[in-house]
Amino acid sequence: MIPIRKNEKVTIEQRAVARDPDYGTESEGWVVVANYIWAEAQDVLPSRGESTANGLPTSLTRTRLRINLNPNVTTAMRVKLHNKGGRLMQIIAGPALLDDRRHMEFMLEGYSHGG
């Protein structure tokens, strides 16, 4: 069994829709599913995913995330990486159950803008 390196604190959030009781309008927000849990986060090496948007260099960042088994986490959620400056990333793939059957892996994706 290969243990995961717990090198990152993360918060996992899911989208929530609330309806105003007086006006009936809907508003969207995010609610915490798991708060400040230890995880292993490893950025994927750079590739040709770099481009420009409105004249600014834009890089698509992908990160592999490994956490303790939690069947409530889905690809409809997002992750905040606290040790990486509070970077918000969308879960785009997973979960994959690791060989030890106690941990799971997801692929995250987010954008960063360079100067």
PDB file of N, CA and C in Angstrom:
ATOM      1  N   MET A   1       0.842  -1.176   0.000  1.00  0.00           N
ATOM      2  CA  MET A   1       0.000   0.000   0.000  1.00  0.00           C
ATOM      3  C   MET A   1       0.888   1.241   0.000  1.00  0.00           C
ATOM      4  N   ILE A   2       0.633   2.144  -0.910  1.00  0.00           N
ATOM      5  CA  ILE A   2       1.358   3.405  -0.992  1.00  0.00           C
ATOM      6  C   ILE A   2       0.492   4.478  -0.338  1.00  0.00           C
ATOM      7  N   PRO A   3       0.980   5.087   0.761  1.00  0.00           N
ATOM      8  CA  PRO A   3       0.168   6.121   1.409  1.00  0.00           C
ATOM      9  C   PRO A   3       0.160   7.395   0.571  1.00  0.00           C
ATOM     10  N   ILE A   4      -0.908   8.165   0.716  1.00  0.00           N
ATOM     11  CA  ILE A   4      -0.949   9.442   0.017  1.00  0.00           C
ATOM     12  C   ILE A   4      -0.174  10.465   0.846  1.00  0.00           C
ATOM     13  N   ARG A   5       0.484  11.389   0.155  1.00  0.00           N
ATOM     14  CA  ARG A   5       1.203  12.483   0.835  1.00  0.00           C
ATOM     15  C   ARG A   5       0.192  13.575   1.139  1.00  0.00           C
ATOM     16  N   LYS A   6      -0.079  13.801   2.365  1.00  0.00           N
ATOM     17  CA  LYS A   6      -1.066  14.820   2.741  1.00  0.00           C
ATOM     18  C   LYS A   6      -0.359  16.164   2.786  1.00  0.00           C
ATOM     19  N   ASN A   7      -0.333  16.828   1.618  1.00  0.00           N
ATOM     20  CA  ASN A   7       0.423  18.071   1.463  1.00  0.00           C
ATOM     21  C   ASN A   7      -0.466  19.293   1.219  1.00  0.00           C
ATOM     22  N   GLU A   8      -1.757  19.140   1.344  1.00  0.00           N
ATOM     23  CA  GLU A   8      -2.680  20.234   0.998  1.00  0.00           C
ATOM     24  C   GLU A   8      -3.928  20.146   1.863  1.00  0.00           C
ATOM     25  N   LYS A   9      -4.390  21.295   2.325  1.00  0.00           N
ATOM     26  CA  LYS A   9      -5.694  21.384   2.986  1.00  0.00           C
ATOM     27  C   LYS A   9      -6.694  21.866   1.942  1.00  0.00           C
ATOM     28  N   VAL A  10      -7.827  21.167   1.823  1.00  0.00           N
ATOM     29  CA  VAL A  10      -8.817  21.518   0.812  1.00  0.00           C
ATOM     30  C   VAL A  10     -10.203  21.635   1.434  1.00  0.00           C
ATOM     31  N   THR A  11     -11.032  22.433   0.782  1.00  0.00           N
ATOM     32  CA  THR A  11     -12.451  22.502   1.098  1.00  0.00           C
ATOM     33  C   THR A  11     -13.202  22.112  -0.158  1.00  0.00           C
ATOM     34  N   ILE A  12     -14.152  21.201  -0.015  1.00  0.00           N
ATOM     35  CA  ILE A  12     -14.960  20.743  -1.150  1.00  0.00           C
ATOM     36  C   ILE A  12     -16.347  21.352  -1.003  1.00  0.00           C
ATOM     37  N   GLU A  13     -16.842  21.954  -2.102  1.00  0.00           N
ATOM     38  CA  GLU A  13     -18.124  22.647  -2.080  1.00  0.00           C
ATOM     39  C   GLU A  13     -19.025  22.146  -3.200  1.00  0.00           C
ATOM     40  N   GLN A  14     -20.349  22.241  -2.964  1.00  0.00           N
ATOM     41  CA  GLN A  14     -21.310  21.916  -4.024  1.00  0.00           C
ATOM     42  C   GLN A  14     -22.247  23.096  -4.215  1.00  0.00           C
ATOM     43  N   ARG A  15     -22.749  23.210  -5.433  1.00  0.00           N
ATOM     44  CA  ARG A  15     -23.658  24.305  -5.786  1.00  0.00           C
ATOM     45  C   ARG A  15     -25.007  24.070  -5.101  1.00  0.00           C
ATOM     46  N   ALA A  16     -25.570  25.151  -4.587  1.00  0.00           N
ATOM     47  CA  ALA A  16     -26.876  25.080  -3.938  1.00  0.00           C
ATOM     48  C   ALA A  16     -27.762  26.174  -4.513  1.00  0.00           C
ATOM     49  N   VAL A  17     -29.023  25.851  -4.706  1.00  0.00           N
ATOM     50  CA  VAL A  17     -29.997  26.818  -5.213  1.00  0.00           C
ATOM     51  C   VAL A  17     -31.009  27.065  -4.107  1.00  0.00           C
ATOM     52  N   ALA A  18     -31.225  28.332  -3.799  1.00  0.00           N
ATOM     53  CA  ALA A  18     -32.208  28.712  -2.779  1.00  0.00           C
ATOM     54  C   ALA A  18     -33.289  29.577  -3.425  1.00  0.00           C
ATOM     55  N   ARG A  19     -34.503  29.450  -2.928  1.00  0.00           N
ATOM     56  CA  ARG A  19     -35.630  30.242  -3.437  1.00  0.00           C
ATOM     57  C   ARG A  19     -36.036  31.256  -2.365  1.00  0.00           C
ATOM     58  N   ASP A  20     -36.133  32.518  -2.780  1.00  0.00           N
ATOM     59  CA  ASP A  20     -36.550  33.585  -1.870  1.00  0.00           C
ATOM     60  C   ASP A  20     -38.014  33.358  -1.514  1.00  0.00           C
ATOM     61  N   PRO A  21     -38.357  33.269  -0.219  1.00  0.00           N
ATOM     62  CA  PRO A  21     -39.748  32.984   0.166  1.00  0.00           C
ATOM     63  C   PRO A  21     -40.728  34.120  -0.160  1.00  0.00           C
ATOM     64  N   ASP A  22     -40.233  35.349  -0.244  1.00  0.00           N
ATOM     65  CA  ASP A  22     -41.122  36.484  -0.531  1.00  0.00           C
ATOM     66  C   ASP A  22     -41.341  36.713  -2.016  1.00  0.00           C
ATOM     67  N   TYR A  23     -40.271  36.602  -2.805  1.00  0.00           N
ATOM     68  CA  TYR A  23     -40.346  36.939  -4.226  1.00  0.00           C
ATOM     69  C   TYR A  23     -40.309  35.730  -5.148  1.00  0.00           C
ATOM     70  N   GLY A  24     -39.926  34.584  -4.637  1.00  0.00           N
ATOM     71  CA  GLY A  24     -39.898  33.374  -5.455  1.00  0.00           C
ATOM     72  C   GLY A  24     -38.724  33.291  -6.406  1.00  0.00           C
ATOM     73  N   THR A  25     -37.774  34.212  -6.290  1.00  0.00           N
ATOM     74  CA  THR A  25     -36.607  34.177  -7.170  1.00  0.00           C
ATOM     75  C   THR A  25     -35.581  33.176  -6.643  1.00  0.00           C
ATOM     76  N   GLU A  26     -34.830  32.620  -7.569  1.00  0.00           N
ATOM     77  CA  GLU A  26     -33.793  31.663  -7.197  1.00  0.00           C
ATOM     78  C   GLU A  26     -32.439  32.350  -7.145  1.00  0.00           C
ATOM     79  N   SER A  27     -31.633  31.937  -6.192  1.00  0.00           N
ATOM     80  CA  SER A  27     -30.259  32.416  -6.135  1.00  0.00           C
ATOM     81  C   SER A  27     -29.349  31.204  -5.938  1.00  0.00           C
ATOM     82  N   GLU A  28     -28.177  31.272  -6.554  1.00  0.00           N
ATOM     83  CA  GLU A  28     -27.234  30.168  -6.461  1.00  0.00           C
ATOM     84  C   GLU A  28     -26.079  30.559  -5.573  1.00  0.00           C
ATOM     85  N   GLY A  29     -25.546  29.569  -4.910  1.00  0.00           N
ATOM     86  CA  GLY A  29     -24.374  29.764  -4.067  1.00  0.00           C
ATOM     87  C   GLY A  29     -23.665  28.429  -3.900  1.00  0.00           C
ATOM     88  N   TRP A  30     -22.714  28.398  -3.019  1.00  0.00           N
ATOM     89  CA  TRP A  30     -21.950  27.179  -2.768  1.00  0.00           C
ATOM     90  C   TRP A  30     -22.017  26.845  -1.286  1.00  0.00           C
ATOM     91  N   VAL A  31     -22.179  25.564  -0.967  1.00  0.00           N
ATOM     92  CA  VAL A  31     -22.174  25.105   0.418  1.00  0.00           C
ATOM     93  C   VAL A  31     -21.044  24.098   0.600  1.00  0.00           C
ATOM     94  N   VAL A  32     -20.491  24.081   1.791  1.00  0.00           N
ATOM     95  CA  VAL A  32     -19.349  23.220   2.094  1.00  0.00           C
ATOM     96  C   VAL A  32     -19.807  21.777   2.320  1.00  0.00           C
ATOM     97  N   VAL A  33     -19.133  20.842   1.641  1.00  0.00           N
ATOM     98  CA  VAL A  33     -19.360  19.413   1.825  1.00  0.00           C
ATOM     99  C   VAL A  33     -18.319  18.844   2.792  1.00  0.00           C
ATOM    100  N   ALA A  34     -17.072  19.274   2.623  1.00  0.00           N
ATOM    101  CA  ALA A  34     -15.966  18.854   3.485  1.00  0.00           C
ATOM    102  C   ALA A  34     -15.052  20.063   3.666  1.00  0.00           C
ATOM    103  N   ASN A  35     -14.749  20.414   4.915  1.00  0.00           N
ATOM    104  CA  ASN A  35     -14.025  21.653   5.193  1.00  0.00           C
ATOM    105  C   ASN A  35     -12.627  21.374   5.741  1.00  0.00           C
ATOM    106  N   TYR A  36     -11.629  21.963   5.098  1.00  0.00           N
ATOM    107  CA  TYR A  36     -10.226  21.885   5.526  1.00  0.00           C
ATOM    108  C   TYR A  36      -9.791  20.448   5.817  1.00  0.00           C
ATOM    109  N   ILE A  37      -9.955  19.579   4.834  1.00  0.00           N
ATOM    110  CA  ILE A  37      -9.498  18.197   4.993  1.00  0.00           C
ATOM    111  C   ILE A  37      -8.120  18.045   4.348  1.00  0.00           C
ATOM    112  N   TRP A  38      -7.336  17.120   4.873  1.00  0.00           N
ATOM    113  CA  TRP A  38      -6.018  16.851   4.296  1.00  0.00           C
ATOM    114  C   TRP A  38      -6.168  16.066   3.006  1.00  0.00           C
ATOM    115  N   ALA A  39      -5.347  16.397   2.029  1.00  0.00           N
ATOM    116  CA  ALA A  39      -5.379  15.743   0.726  1.00  0.00           C
ATOM    117  C   ALA A  39      -3.985  15.783   0.122  1.00  0.00           C
ATOM    118  N   GLU A  40      -3.817  15.030  -0.954  1.00  0.00           N
ATOM    119  CA  GLU A  40      -2.604  15.135  -1.767  1.00  0.00           C
ATOM    120  C   GLU A  40      -2.994  15.838  -3.052  1.00  0.00           C
ATOM    121  N   ALA A  41      -2.342  16.954  -3.328  1.00  0.00           N
ATOM    122  CA  ALA A  41      -2.611  17.715  -4.550  1.00  0.00           C
ATOM    123  C   ALA A  41      -1.313  17.829  -5.328  1.00  0.00           C
ATOM    124  N   GLN A  42      -1.349  17.370  -6.575  1.00  0.00           N
ATOM    125  CA  GLN A  42      -0.156  17.440  -7.421  1.00  0.00           C
ATOM    126  C   GLN A  42      -0.543  18.026  -8.772  1.00  0.00           C
ATOM    127  N   ASP A  43       0.066  19.168  -9.102  1.00  0.00           N
ATOM    128  CA  ASP A  43      -0.199  19.792 -10.398  1.00  0.00           C
ATOM    129  C   ASP A  43       0.332  18.916 -11.523  1.00  0.00           C
ATOM    130  N   VAL A  44      -0.412  18.874 -12.617  1.00  0.00           N
ATOM    131  CA  VAL A  44       0.019  18.168 -13.821  1.00  0.00           C
ATOM    132  C   VAL A  44       1.043  19.059 -14.523  1.00  0.00           C
ATOM    133  N   LEU A  45       2.079  18.464 -15.061  1.00  0.00           N
ATOM    134  CA  LEU A  45       3.126  19.235 -15.723  1.00  0.00           C
ATOM    135  C   LEU A  45       2.556  20.052 -16.878  1.00  0.00           C
ATOM    136  N   PRO A  46       3.132  21.235 -17.163  1.00  0.00           N
ATOM    137  CA  PRO A  46       2.627  22.089 -18.242  1.00  0.00           C
ATOM    138  C   PRO A  46       2.689  21.396 -19.599  1.00  0.00           C
ATOM    139  N   SER A  47       1.775  21.802 -20.458  1.00  0.00           N
ATOM    140  CA  SER A  47       1.744  21.251 -21.813  1.00  0.00           C
ATOM    141  C   SER A  47       1.343  22.363 -22.767  1.00  0.00           C
ATOM    142  N   ARG A  48       0.735  21.988 -23.839  1.00  0.00           N
ATOM    143  CA  ARG A  48       0.301  22.976 -24.824  1.00  0.00           C
ATOM    144  C   ARG A  48      -1.054  23.558 -24.479  1.00  0.00           C
ATOM    145  N   GLY A  49      -1.479  23.463 -23.240  1.00  0.00           N
ATOM    146  CA  GLY A  49      -2.765  23.986 -22.807  1.00  0.00           C
ATOM    147  C   GLY A  49      -2.759  25.487 -22.636  1.00  0.00           C
ATOM    148  N   GLU A  50      -1.659  26.147 -22.970  1.00  0.00           N
ATOM    149  CA  GLU A  50      -1.585  27.589 -22.801  1.00  0.00           C
ATOM    150  C   GLU A  50      -2.182  28.288 -24.012  1.00  0.00           C
ATOM    151  N   SER A  51      -2.876  29.388 -23.749  1.00  0.00           N
ATOM    152  CA  SER A  51      -3.489  30.169 -24.826  1.00  0.00           C
ATOM    153  C   SER A  51      -3.606  31.606 -24.346  1.00  0.00           C
ATOM    154  N   THR A  52      -4.296  32.431 -25.118  1.00  0.00           N
ATOM    155  CA  THR A  52      -4.540  33.807 -24.696  1.00  0.00           C
ATOM    156  C   THR A  52      -6.033  34.082 -24.711  1.00  0.00           C
ATOM    157  N   ALA A  53      -6.456  34.932 -23.785  1.00  0.00           N
ATOM    158  CA  ALA A  53      -7.852  35.370 -23.722  1.00  0.00           C
ATOM    159  C   ALA A  53      -7.836  36.879 -23.541  1.00  0.00           C
ATOM    160  N   ASN A  54      -8.436  37.605 -24.476  1.00  0.00           N
ATOM    161  CA  ASN A  54      -8.449  39.070 -24.433  1.00  0.00           C
ATOM    162  C   ASN A  54      -7.042  39.647 -24.342  1.00  0.00           C
ATOM    163  N   GLY A  55      -6.090  39.024 -25.008  1.00  0.00           N
ATOM    164  CA  GLY A  55      -4.721  39.506 -25.034  1.00  0.00           C
ATOM    165  C   GLY A  55      -3.879  39.128 -23.840  1.00  0.00           C
ATOM    166  N   LEU A  56      -4.477  38.470 -22.832  1.00  0.00           N
ATOM    167  CA  LEU A  56      -3.729  38.049 -21.648  1.00  0.00           C
ATOM    168  C   LEU A  56      -3.382  36.569 -21.752  1.00  0.00           C
ATOM    169  N   PRO A  57      -2.161  36.199 -21.392  1.00  0.00           N
ATOM    170  CA  PRO A  57      -1.824  34.777 -21.396  1.00  0.00           C
ATOM    171  C   PRO A  57      -2.692  34.032 -20.381  1.00  0.00           C
ATOM    172  N   THR A  58      -3.260  32.928 -20.793  1.00  0.00           N
ATOM    173  CA  THR A  58      -4.115  32.123 -19.936  1.00  0.00           C
ATOM    174  C   THR A  58      -3.616  30.696 -19.963  1.00  0.00           C
ATOM    175  N   SER A  59      -3.486  30.111 -18.802  1.00  0.00           N
ATOM    176  CA  SER A  59      -3.039  28.733 -18.708  1.00  0.00           C
ATOM    177  C   SER A  59      -4.119  27.899 -18.053  1.00  0.00           C
ATOM    178  N   LEU A  60      -4.385  26.770 -18.641  1.00  0.00           N
ATOM    179  CA  LEU A  60      -5.290  25.797 -18.069  1.00  0.00           C
ATOM    180  C   LEU A  60      -4.460  24.957 -17.106  1.00  0.00           C
ATOM    181  N   THR A  61      -4.843  24.950 -15.859  1.00  0.00           N
ATOM    182  CA  THR A  61      -4.109  24.210 -14.845  1.00  0.00           C
ATOM    183  C   THR A  61      -4.900  22.980 -14.450  1.00  0.00           C
ATOM    184  N   ARG A  62      -4.234  21.853 -14.443  1.00  0.00           N
ATOM    185  CA  ARG A  62      -4.856  20.610 -13.982  1.00  0.00           C
ATOM    186  C   ARG A  62      -4.082  20.101 -12.776  1.00  0.00           C
ATOM    187  N   THR A  63      -4.821  19.571 -11.830  1.00  0.00           N
ATOM    188  CA  THR A  63      -4.247  19.070 -10.595  1.00  0.00           C
ATOM    189  C   THR A  63      -4.883  17.733 -10.249  1.00  0.00           C
ATOM    190  N   ARG A  64      -4.049  16.788  -9.836  1.00  0.00           N
ATOM    191  CA  ARG A  64      -4.545  15.491  -9.366  1.00  0.00           C
ATOM    192  C   ARG A  64      -4.782  15.615  -7.871  1.00  0.00           C
ATOM    193  N   LEU A  65      -5.966  15.229  -7.414  1.00  0.00           N
ATOM    194  CA  LEU A  65      -6.332  15.341  -6.009  1.00  0.00           C
ATOM    195  C   LEU A  65      -6.653  13.958  -5.461  1.00  0.00           C
ATOM    196  N   ARG A  66      -5.997  13.598  -4.368  1.00  0.00           N
ATOM    197  CA  ARG A  66      -6.277  12.331  -3.679  1.00  0.00           C
ATOM    198  C   ARG A  66      -6.763  12.646  -2.276  1.00  0.00           C
ATOM    199  N   ILE A  67      -7.901  12.028  -1.903  1.00  0.00           N
ATOM    200  CA  ILE A  67      -8.490  12.236  -0.582  1.00  0.00           C
ATOM    201  C   ILE A  67      -8.895  10.897   0.008  1.00  0.00           C
ATOM    202  N   ASN A  68      -9.190  10.904   1.316  1.00  0.00           N
ATOM    203  CA  ASN A  68      -9.764   9.714   1.938  1.00  0.00           C
ATOM    204  C   ASN A  68     -11.107   9.429   1.279  1.00  0.00           C
ATOM    205  N   LEU A  69     -11.483   8.181   1.248  1.00  0.00           N
ATOM    206  CA  LEU A  69     -12.726   7.752   0.616  1.00  0.00           C
ATOM    207  C   LEU A  69     -13.906   8.562   1.141  1.00  0.00           C
ATOM    208  N   ASN A  70     -14.652   9.197   0.231  1.00  0.00           N
ATOM    209  CA  ASN A  70     -15.839   9.969   0.570  1.00  0.00           C
ATOM    210  C   ASN A  70     -16.813   9.848  -0.604  1.00  0.00           C
ATOM    211  N   PRO A  71     -17.796   8.957  -0.500  1.00  0.00           N
ATOM    212  CA  PRO A  71     -18.712   8.719  -1.625  1.00  0.00           C
ATOM    213  C   PRO A  71     -19.608   9.902  -1.959  1.00  0.00           C
ATOM    214  N   ASN A  72     -19.634  10.938  -1.126  1.00  0.00           N
ATOM    215  CA  ASN A  72     -20.478  12.105  -1.394  1.00  0.00           C
ATOM    216  C   ASN A  72     -19.854  13.088  -2.377  1.00  0.00           C
ATOM    217  N   VAL A  73     -18.574  12.948  -2.687  1.00  0.00           N
ATOM    218  CA  VAL A  73     -17.890  13.882  -3.574  1.00  0.00           C
ATOM    219  C   VAL A  73     -18.127  13.464  -5.028  1.00  0.00           C
ATOM    220  N   THR A  74     -18.568  14.427  -5.866  1.00  0.00           N
ATOM    221  CA  THR A  74     -18.887  14.146  -7.268  1.00  0.00           C
ATOM    222  C   THR A  74     -18.249  15.193  -8.181  1.00  0.00           C
ATOM    223  N   THR A  75     -18.375  14.978  -9.476  1.00  0.00           N
ATOM    224  CA  THR A  75     -17.832  15.922 -10.457  1.00  0.00           C
ATOM    225  C   THR A  75     -18.655  17.205 -10.556  1.00  0.00           C
ATOM    226  N   ALA A  76     -19.769  17.291  -9.847  1.00  0.00           N
ATOM    227  CA  ALA A  76     -20.573  18.514  -9.839  1.00  0.00           C
ATOM    228  C   ALA A  76     -20.064  19.510  -8.791  1.00  0.00           C
ATOM    229  N   MET A  77     -18.935  19.208  -8.173  1.00  0.00           N
ATOM    230  CA  MET A  77     -18.429  20.024  -7.078  1.00  0.00           C
ATOM    231  C   MET A  77     -17.155  20.758  -7.473  1.00  0.00           C
ATOM    232  N   ARG A  78     -16.728  21.647  -6.589  1.00  0.00           N
ATOM    233  CA  ARG A  78     -15.469  22.349  -6.800  1.00  0.00           C
ATOM    234  C   ARG A  78     -14.623  22.215  -5.532  1.00  0.00           C
ATOM    235  N   VAL A  79     -13.336  22.502  -5.692  1.00  0.00           N
ATOM    236  CA  VAL A  79     -12.380  22.334  -4.600  1.00  0.00           C
ATOM    237  C   VAL A  79     -11.593  23.629  -4.426  1.00  0.00           C
ATOM    238  N   LYS A  80     -11.421  24.033  -3.191  1.00  0.00           N
ATOM    239  CA  LYS A  80     -10.562  25.170  -2.876  1.00  0.00           C
ATOM    240  C   LYS A  80      -9.275  24.622  -2.278  1.00  0.00           C
ATOM    241  N   LEU A  81      -8.145  24.948  -2.923  1.00  0.00           N
ATOM    242  CA  LEU A  81      -6.833  24.513  -2.467  1.00  0.00           C
ATOM    243  C   LEU A  81      -6.247  25.614  -1.588  1.00  0.00           C
ATOM    244  N   HIS A  82      -6.268  25.431  -0.290  1.00  0.00           N
ATOM    245  CA  HIS A  82      -5.869  26.485   0.645  1.00  0.00           C
ATOM    246  C   HIS A  82      -4.368  26.754   0.619  1.00  0.00           C
ATOM    247  N   ASN A  83      -3.544  25.725   0.522  1.00  0.00           N
ATOM    248  CA  ASN A  83      -2.091  25.918   0.529  1.00  0.00           C
ATOM    249  C   ASN A  83      -1.572  26.476  -0.788  1.00  0.00           C
ATOM    250  N   LYS A  84      -2.387  26.491  -1.811  1.00  0.00           N
ATOM    251  CA  LYS A  84      -2.000  27.033  -3.113  1.00  0.00           C
ATOM    252  C   LYS A  84      -2.677  28.390  -3.330  1.00  0.00           C
ATOM    253  N   GLY A  85      -2.776  29.171  -2.279  1.00  0.00           N
ATOM    254  CA  GLY A  85      -3.320  30.525  -2.382  1.00  0.00           C
ATOM    255  C   GLY A  85      -4.825  30.600  -2.488  1.00  0.00           C
ATOM    256  N   GLY A  86      -5.531  29.578  -2.050  1.00  0.00           N
ATOM    257  CA  GLY A  86      -6.991  29.604  -2.125  1.00  0.00           C
ATOM    258  C   GLY A  86      -7.523  29.396  -3.527  1.00  0.00           C
ATOM    259  N   ARG A  87      -6.737  28.723  -4.375  1.00  0.00           N
ATOM    260  CA  ARG A  87      -7.135  28.489  -5.775  1.00  0.00           C
ATOM    261  C   ARG A  87      -8.399  27.639  -5.834  1.00  0.00           C
ATOM    262  N   LEU A  88      -9.406  28.086  -6.614  1.00  0.00           N
ATOM    263  CA  LEU A  88     -10.643  27.332  -6.832  1.00  0.00           C
ATOM    264  C   LEU A  88     -10.529  26.527  -8.113  1.00  0.00           C
ATOM    265  N   MET A  89     -10.894  25.251  -8.040  1.00  0.00           N
ATOM    266  CA  MET A  89     -10.812  24.376  -9.210  1.00  0.00           C
ATOM    267  C   MET A  89     -12.064  23.511  -9.286  1.00  0.00           C
ATOM    268  N   GLN A  90     -12.501  23.242 -10.503  1.00  0.00           N
ATOM    269  CA  GLN A  90     -13.655  22.387 -10.762  1.00  0.00           C
ATOM    270  C   GLN A  90     -13.197  20.940 -10.826  1.00  0.00           C
ATOM    271  N   ILE A  91     -13.975  20.027 -10.257  1.00  0.00           N
ATOM    272  CA  ILE A  91     -13.692  18.595 -10.409  1.00  0.00           C
ATOM    273  C   ILE A  91     -14.168  18.201 -11.806  1.00  0.00           C
ATOM    274  N   ILE A  92     -13.253  17.653 -12.635  1.00  0.00           N
ATOM    275  CA  ILE A  92     -13.633  17.324 -14.011  1.00  0.00           C
ATOM    276  C   ILE A  92     -13.639  15.831 -14.291  1.00  0.00           C
ATOM    277  N   ALA A  93     -13.010  15.023 -13.422  1.00  0.00           N
ATOM    278  CA  ALA A  93     -12.984  13.579 -13.647  1.00  0.00           C
ATOM    279  C   ALA A  93     -12.826  12.859 -12.316  1.00  0.00           C
ATOM    280  N   GLY A  94     -13.345  11.661 -12.293  1.00  0.00           N
ATOM    281  CA  GLY A  94     -13.243  10.832 -11.106  1.00  0.00           C
ATOM    282  C   GLY A  94     -14.637  10.553 -10.579  1.00  0.00           C
ATOM    283  N   PRO A  95     -14.716   9.866  -9.509  1.00  0.00           N
ATOM    284  CA  PRO A  95     -13.623   9.387  -8.689  1.00  0.00           C
ATOM    285  C   PRO A  95     -13.054   8.073  -9.201  1.00  0.00           C
ATOM    286  N   ALA A  96     -11.790   7.876  -8.905  1.00  0.00           N
ATOM    287  CA  ALA A  96     -11.134   6.597  -9.139  1.00  0.00           C
ATOM    288  C   ALA A  96     -10.714   6.065  -7.780  1.00  0.00           C
ATOM    289  N   LEU A  97     -11.092   4.858  -7.489  1.00  0.00           N
ATOM    290  CA  LEU A  97     -10.729   4.232  -6.229  1.00  0.00           C
ATOM    291  C   LEU A  97      -9.301   3.723  -6.326  1.00  0.00           C
ATOM    292  N   LEU A  98      -8.453   4.116  -5.395  1.00  0.00           N
ATOM    293  CA  LEU A  98      -7.061   3.675  -5.417  1.00  0.00           C
ATOM    294  C   LEU A  98      -6.948   2.227  -4.938  1.00  0.00           C
ATOM    295  N   ASP A  99      -5.807   1.603  -5.189  1.00  0.00           N
ATOM    296  CA  ASP A  99      -5.611   0.190  -4.871  1.00  0.00           C
ATOM    297  C   ASP A  99      -5.822  -0.138  -3.401  1.00  0.00           C
ATOM    298  N   ASP A 100      -5.545   0.802  -2.510  1.00  0.00           N
ATOM    299  CA  ASP A 100      -5.716   0.521  -1.083  1.00  0.00           C
ATOM    300  C   ASP A 100      -7.182   0.538  -0.659  1.00  0.00           C
ATOM    301  N   ARG A 101      -8.066   0.983  -1.558  1.00  0.00           N
ATOM    302  CA  ARG A 101      -9.516   1.021  -1.354  1.00  0.00           C
ATOM    303  C   ARG A 101      -9.926   1.926  -0.185  1.00  0.00           C
ATOM    304  N   ARG A 102      -9.006   2.787   0.271  1.00  0.00           N
ATOM    305  CA  ARG A 102      -9.294   3.742   1.335  1.00  0.00           C
ATOM    306  C   ARG A 102      -9.183   5.177   0.844  1.00  0.00           C
ATOM    307  N   HIS A 103      -8.691   5.342  -0.380  1.00  0.00           N
ATOM    308  CA  HIS A 103      -8.496   6.681  -0.936  1.00  0.00           C
ATOM    309  C   HIS A 103      -9.078   6.736  -2.344  1.00  0.00           C
ATOM    310  N   MET A 104      -9.407   7.946  -2.780  1.00  0.00           N
ATOM    311  CA  MET A 104      -9.939   8.151  -4.117  1.00  0.00           C
ATOM    312  C   MET A 104      -9.214   9.315  -4.767  1.00  0.00           C
ATOM    313  N   GLU A 105      -9.237   9.316  -6.111  1.00  0.00           N
ATOM    314  CA  GLU A 105      -8.530  10.343  -6.863  1.00  0.00           C
ATOM    315  C   GLU A 105      -9.481  11.042  -7.818  1.00  0.00           C
ATOM    316  N   PHE A 106      -9.288  12.348  -7.959  1.00  0.00           N
ATOM    317  CA  PHE A 106     -10.049  13.184  -8.879  1.00  0.00           C
ATOM    318  C   PHE A 106      -9.080  14.001  -9.711  1.00  0.00           C
ATOM    319  N   MET A 107      -9.530  14.476 -10.861  1.00  0.00           N
ATOM    320  CA  MET A 107      -8.777  15.438 -11.648  1.00  0.00           C
ATOM    321  C   MET A 107      -9.505  16.771 -11.533  1.00  0.00           C
ATOM    322  N   LEU A 108      -8.726  17.817 -11.223  1.00  0.00           N
ATOM    323  CA  LEU A 108      -9.271  19.169 -11.092  1.00  0.00           C
ATOM    324  C   LEU A 108      -8.782  20.016 -12.247  1.00  0.00           C
ATOM    325  N   GLU A 109      -9.535  21.077 -12.546  1.00  0.00           N
ATOM    326  CA  GLU A 109      -9.143  21.974 -13.619  1.00  0.00           C
ATOM    327  C   GLU A 109      -9.501  23.406 -13.220  1.00  0.00           C
ATOM    328  N   GLY A 110      -8.611  24.317 -13.568  1.00  0.00           N
ATOM    329  CA  GLY A 110      -8.855  25.725 -13.298  1.00  0.00           C
ATOM    330  C   GLY A 110      -8.003  26.574 -14.230  1.00  0.00           C
ATOM    331  N   TYR A 111      -8.226  27.869 -14.240  1.00  0.00           N
ATOM    332  CA  TYR A 111      -7.488  28.783 -15.099  1.00  0.00           C
ATOM    333  C   TYR A 111      -6.663  29.714 -14.251  1.00  0.00           C
ATOM    334  N   SER A 112      -5.498  30.048 -14.759  1.00  0.00           N
ATOM    335  CA  SER A 112      -4.680  31.070 -14.120  1.00  0.00           C
ATOM    336  C   SER A 112      -4.286  32.055 -15.203  1.00  0.00           C
ATOM    337  N   HIS A 113      -4.214  33.308 -14.824  1.00  0.00           N
ATOM    338  CA  HIS A 113      -3.865  34.370 -15.769  1.00  0.00           C
ATOM    339  C   HIS A 113      -2.479  34.864 -15.440  1.00  0.00           C
ATOM    340  N   GLY A 114      -1.661  34.977 -16.443  1.00  0.00           N
ATOM    341  CA  GLY A 114      -0.300  35.485 -16.257  1.00  0.00           C
ATOM    342  C   GLY A 114      -0.182  36.889 -16.800  1.00  0.00           C
ATOM    343  N   GLY A 115       0.925  37.527 -16.465  1.00  0.00           N
ATOM    344  CA  GLY A 115       1.091  38.902 -16.911  1.00  0.00           C
ATOM    345  C   GLY A 115       2.135  39.060 -17.958  1.00  0.00           C
TER     346      GLY A 115
END
